[in-house]
Amino acid sequence: MLFRKIAVLKLELYLCSEDVIMEQIQLYSKLNYLPTDLKSEVNDFIDFLLSKRKMAIKKKTPKFGCAKGQIYLSPDFDESLDDFKDYM
């Protein structure tokens, strides 16, 4: 799985601007120097970040009328308040 992600990073190297390419090359070279157990942790962290992004994208937007019948306004809502009679 980690090697597939590395292959995707390599492919993205060809599709990005020079600044991004340099960052990805640095990331790839750092990843190569890691021991196997740390590569496993990096893989888990990448999976965590991807799932976190998916959850952020999947947040539902409320539909129009979804709170219908849940809000109540009293019949005298538009009438003036007794506290303000002196000012009117």
N, C-alpha and C. Protein backbone atom coordinates (compact mmCIF):
# COMPACT_ATOMS: atom_id res chain seq x y z
N MET A 1 0.83 -1.19 0.00
CA MET A 1 0.00 0.00 0.00
C MET A 1 0.87 1.26 0.00
N LEU A 2 1.92 1.23 0.81
CA LEU A 2 2.82 2.37 0.88
C LEU A 2 3.51 2.58 -0.47
N PHE A 3 3.88 1.49 -1.12
CA PHE A 3 4.56 1.61 -2.41
C PHE A 3 3.63 2.18 -3.48
N ARG A 4 2.33 1.90 -3.36
CA ARG A 4 1.36 2.46 -4.30
C ARG A 4 1.29 3.98 -4.10
N LYS A 5 1.31 4.40 -2.84
CA LYS A 5 1.28 5.84 -2.55
C LYS A 5 2.55 6.51 -3.05
N ILE A 6 3.67 5.81 -2.93
CA ILE A 6 4.93 6.36 -3.44
C ILE A 6 4.86 6.47 -4.96
N ALA A 7 4.27 5.48 -5.61
CA ALA A 7 4.13 5.52 -7.07
C ALA A 7 3.24 6.68 -7.48
N VAL A 8 2.20 6.94 -6.71
CA VAL A 8 1.32 8.07 -7.01
C VAL A 8 2.10 9.38 -6.85
N LEU A 9 2.93 9.46 -5.80
CA LEU A 9 3.76 10.65 -5.62
C LEU A 9 4.70 10.85 -6.81
N LYS A 10 5.28 9.76 -7.30
CA LYS A 10 6.17 9.85 -8.46
C LYS A 10 5.42 10.34 -9.68
N LEU A 11 4.20 9.84 -9.86
CA LEU A 11 3.40 10.27 -11.00
C LEU A 11 3.04 11.74 -10.88
N GLU A 12 2.72 12.18 -9.68
CA GLU A 12 2.37 13.58 -9.49
C GLU A 12 3.56 14.50 -9.72
N LEU A 13 4.76 13.96 -9.57
CA LEU A 13 5.95 14.77 -9.83
C LEU A 13 5.95 15.30 -11.25
N TYR A 14 5.46 14.51 -12.18
CA TYR A 14 5.46 14.91 -13.58
C TYR A 14 4.34 15.90 -13.91
N LEU A 15 3.37 16.01 -13.03
CA LEU A 15 2.20 16.83 -13.33
C LEU A 15 2.18 18.17 -12.60
N CYS A 16 3.17 18.47 -11.77
CA CYS A 16 3.13 19.65 -10.90
C CYS A 16 4.15 20.70 -11.34
N SER A 17 4.06 21.87 -10.69
CA SER A 17 5.02 22.94 -10.96
C SER A 17 6.36 22.59 -10.32
N GLU A 18 7.38 23.40 -10.61
CA GLU A 18 8.73 23.10 -10.14
C GLU A 18 8.84 23.15 -8.62
N ASP A 19 8.18 24.13 -7.96
CA ASP A 19 8.25 24.23 -6.51
C ASP A 19 7.63 23.00 -5.85
N VAL A 20 6.50 22.60 -6.35
CA VAL A 20 5.83 21.42 -5.79
C VAL A 20 6.66 20.18 -6.06
N ILE A 21 7.27 20.12 -7.22
CA ILE A 21 8.11 18.97 -7.57
C ILE A 21 9.28 18.85 -6.59
N MET A 22 9.91 19.98 -6.27
CA MET A 22 11.03 19.95 -5.34
C MET A 22 10.57 19.48 -3.96
N GLU A 23 9.42 19.94 -3.49
CA GLU A 23 8.90 19.51 -2.20
C GLU A 23 8.62 18.00 -2.21
N GLN A 24 8.06 17.51 -3.29
CA GLN A 24 7.74 16.10 -3.38
C GLN A 24 8.99 15.23 -3.48
N ILE A 25 10.01 15.73 -4.15
CA ILE A 25 11.27 15.00 -4.23
C ILE A 25 11.90 14.92 -2.84
N GLN A 26 11.86 16.03 -2.12
CA GLN A 26 12.41 16.03 -0.77
C GLN A 26 11.64 15.07 0.13
N LEU A 27 10.33 15.08 0.01
CA LEU A 27 9.50 14.17 0.79
C LEU A 27 9.81 12.72 0.45
N TYR A 28 9.93 12.45 -0.83
CA TYR A 28 10.22 11.09 -1.28
C TYR A 28 11.59 10.63 -0.79
N SER A 29 12.58 11.50 -0.87
CA SER A 29 13.92 11.12 -0.41
C SER A 29 13.95 10.90 1.09
N LYS A 30 13.23 11.71 1.86
CA LYS A 30 13.15 11.51 3.30
C LYS A 30 12.46 10.19 3.61
N LEU A 31 11.44 9.88 2.86
CA LEU A 31 10.70 8.64 3.07
C LEU A 31 11.58 7.42 2.80
N ASN A 32 12.46 7.52 1.82
CA ASN A 32 13.36 6.40 1.50
C ASN A 32 14.34 6.11 2.63
N TYR A 33 14.73 7.12 3.39
CA TYR A 33 15.70 6.93 4.46
C TYR A 33 15.09 6.38 5.74
N LEU A 34 13.78 6.35 5.82
CA LEU A 34 13.13 5.86 7.04
C LEU A 34 13.24 4.35 7.15
N PRO A 35 13.36 3.85 8.38
CA PRO A 35 13.29 2.39 8.57
C PRO A 35 11.87 1.89 8.31
N THR A 36 11.74 0.61 8.14
CA THR A 36 10.46 0.00 7.76
C THR A 36 9.36 0.29 8.76
N ASP A 37 9.67 0.24 10.05
CA ASP A 37 8.62 0.48 11.05
C ASP A 37 8.11 1.92 11.00
N LEU A 38 9.00 2.87 10.74
CA LEU A 38 8.55 4.25 10.61
C LEU A 38 7.79 4.48 9.31
N LYS A 39 8.15 3.75 8.26
CA LYS A 39 7.38 3.84 7.02
C LYS A 39 5.95 3.37 7.24
N SER A 40 5.79 2.36 8.09
CA SER A 40 4.45 1.88 8.42
C SER A 40 3.67 2.96 9.15
N GLU A 41 4.31 3.67 10.06
CA GLU A 41 3.64 4.76 10.77
C GLU A 41 3.26 5.89 9.82
N VAL A 42 4.15 6.20 8.89
CA VAL A 42 3.86 7.23 7.89
C VAL A 42 2.66 6.81 7.05
N ASN A 43 2.62 5.55 6.68
CA ASN A 43 1.50 5.03 5.90
C ASN A 43 0.19 5.18 6.67
N ASP A 44 0.20 4.83 7.96
CA ASP A 44 -1.00 4.98 8.78
C ASP A 44 -1.42 6.44 8.89
N PHE A 45 -0.44 7.32 9.03
CA PHE A 45 -0.76 8.74 9.14
C PHE A 45 -1.34 9.28 7.84
N ILE A 46 -0.81 8.84 6.71
CA ILE A 46 -1.35 9.26 5.42
C ILE A 46 -2.80 8.79 5.29
N ASP A 47 -3.07 7.54 5.69
CA ASP A 47 -4.44 7.03 5.65
C ASP A 47 -5.35 7.86 6.55
N PHE A 48 -4.85 8.25 7.73
CA PHE A 48 -5.63 9.08 8.64
C PHE A 48 -5.96 10.42 8.00
N LEU A 49 -4.97 11.05 7.39
CA LEU A 49 -5.20 12.35 6.76
C LEU A 49 -6.20 12.25 5.62
N LEU A 50 -6.10 11.19 4.83
CA LEU A 50 -7.04 11.01 3.72
C LEU A 50 -8.46 10.78 4.22
N SER A 51 -8.62 9.98 5.28
CA SER A 51 -9.96 9.75 5.82
C SER A 51 -10.51 11.01 6.46
N LYS A 52 -9.65 11.80 7.07
CA LYS A 52 -10.08 13.07 7.66
C LYS A 52 -10.59 14.02 6.58
N ARG A 53 -9.91 14.04 5.45
CA ARG A 53 -10.34 14.89 4.34
C ARG A 53 -11.67 14.41 3.78
N LYS A 54 -11.85 13.09 3.67
CA LYS A 54 -13.11 12.55 3.15
C LYS A 54 -14.27 12.92 4.06
N MET A 55 -14.05 12.86 5.37
CA MET A 55 -15.12 13.21 6.31
C MET A 55 -15.47 14.68 6.20
N ALA A 56 -14.48 15.52 5.96
CA ALA A 56 -14.75 16.95 5.81
C ALA A 56 -15.55 17.21 4.54
N ILE A 57 -15.27 16.46 3.50
CA ILE A 57 -15.98 16.63 2.24
C ILE A 57 -17.41 16.11 2.34
N LYS A 58 -17.62 15.03 3.10
CA LYS A 58 -18.92 14.39 3.17
C LYS A 58 -19.92 15.11 4.08
N LYS A 59 -19.53 16.20 4.73
CA LYS A 59 -20.46 16.90 5.59
C LYS A 59 -21.68 17.33 4.79
N LYS A 60 -22.83 17.03 5.32
CA LYS A 60 -24.06 17.32 4.60
C LYS A 60 -24.46 18.78 4.81
N THR A 61 -24.98 19.37 3.76
CA THR A 61 -25.54 20.70 3.88
C THR A 61 -27.03 20.55 4.12
N PRO A 62 -27.60 21.37 4.98
CA PRO A 62 -29.02 21.22 5.26
C PRO A 62 -29.87 21.54 4.02
N LYS A 63 -30.95 20.80 3.87
CA LYS A 63 -31.86 21.01 2.76
C LYS A 63 -32.90 22.05 3.14
N PHE A 64 -33.37 22.76 2.15
CA PHE A 64 -34.38 23.79 2.38
C PHE A 64 -35.64 23.14 2.97
N GLY A 65 -36.11 23.68 4.07
CA GLY A 65 -37.33 23.19 4.71
C GLY A 65 -37.11 22.05 5.67
N CYS A 66 -35.87 21.73 6.00
CA CYS A 66 -35.62 20.58 6.87
C CYS A 66 -36.04 20.84 8.32
N ALA A 67 -36.21 22.10 8.72
CA ALA A 67 -36.61 22.42 10.09
C ALA A 67 -38.09 22.80 10.17
N LYS A 68 -38.83 22.49 9.14
CA LYS A 68 -40.24 22.86 9.10
C LYS A 68 -40.98 22.18 10.26
N GLY A 69 -41.75 22.99 11.01
CA GLY A 69 -42.52 22.48 12.13
C GLY A 69 -41.74 22.41 13.43
N GLN A 70 -40.46 22.74 13.41
CA GLN A 70 -39.64 22.68 14.61
C GLN A 70 -39.49 24.03 15.29
N ILE A 71 -39.85 25.10 14.60
CA ILE A 71 -39.73 26.44 15.15
C ILE A 71 -41.13 27.01 15.36
N TYR A 72 -41.35 27.57 16.55
CA TYR A 72 -42.66 28.11 16.89
C TYR A 72 -42.52 29.57 17.27
N LEU A 73 -43.35 30.42 16.67
CA LEU A 73 -43.43 31.83 17.03
C LEU A 73 -44.81 32.08 17.61
N SER A 74 -44.83 32.80 18.72
CA SER A 74 -46.11 33.07 19.35
C SER A 74 -46.94 34.00 18.46
N PRO A 75 -48.29 33.95 18.58
CA PRO A 75 -49.15 34.78 17.72
C PRO A 75 -48.91 36.28 17.91
N ASP A 76 -48.47 36.71 19.09
CA ASP A 76 -48.25 38.13 19.33
C ASP A 76 -46.78 38.54 19.11
N PHE A 77 -46.08 37.81 18.28
CA PHE A 77 -44.66 38.06 18.06
C PHE A 77 -44.41 39.47 17.51
N ASP A 78 -45.25 39.94 16.59
CA ASP A 78 -45.03 41.25 15.96
C ASP A 78 -45.55 42.42 16.78
N GLU A 79 -46.26 42.16 17.85
CA GLU A 79 -46.79 43.25 18.67
C GLU A 79 -45.68 43.87 19.49
N SER A 80 -45.86 45.16 19.84
CA SER A 80 -44.83 45.85 20.62
C SER A 80 -44.81 45.32 22.05
N LEU A 81 -43.65 45.41 22.66
CA LEU A 81 -43.47 44.93 24.02
C LEU A 81 -43.98 45.96 25.01
N ASP A 82 -44.50 45.49 26.13
CA ASP A 82 -45.01 46.39 27.17
C ASP A 82 -43.88 47.25 27.75
N ASP A 83 -42.69 46.76 27.76
CA ASP A 83 -41.57 47.51 28.32
C ASP A 83 -41.25 48.76 27.51
N PHE A 84 -41.61 48.81 26.25
CA PHE A 84 -41.29 49.95 25.39
C PHE A 84 -42.46 50.91 25.19
N LYS A 85 -43.56 50.75 25.93
CA LYS A 85 -44.73 51.63 25.74
C LYS A 85 -44.39 53.09 26.06
N ASP A 86 -43.50 53.33 27.01
CA ASP A 86 -43.13 54.71 27.37
C ASP A 86 -42.41 55.41 26.22
N TYR A 87 -41.77 54.67 25.36
CA TYR A 87 -40.99 55.28 24.27
C TYR A 87 -41.78 55.39 22.98
N MET A 88 -42.97 54.90 22.93
CA MET A 88 -43.73 54.91 21.69
C MET A 88 -44.77 56.00 21.69
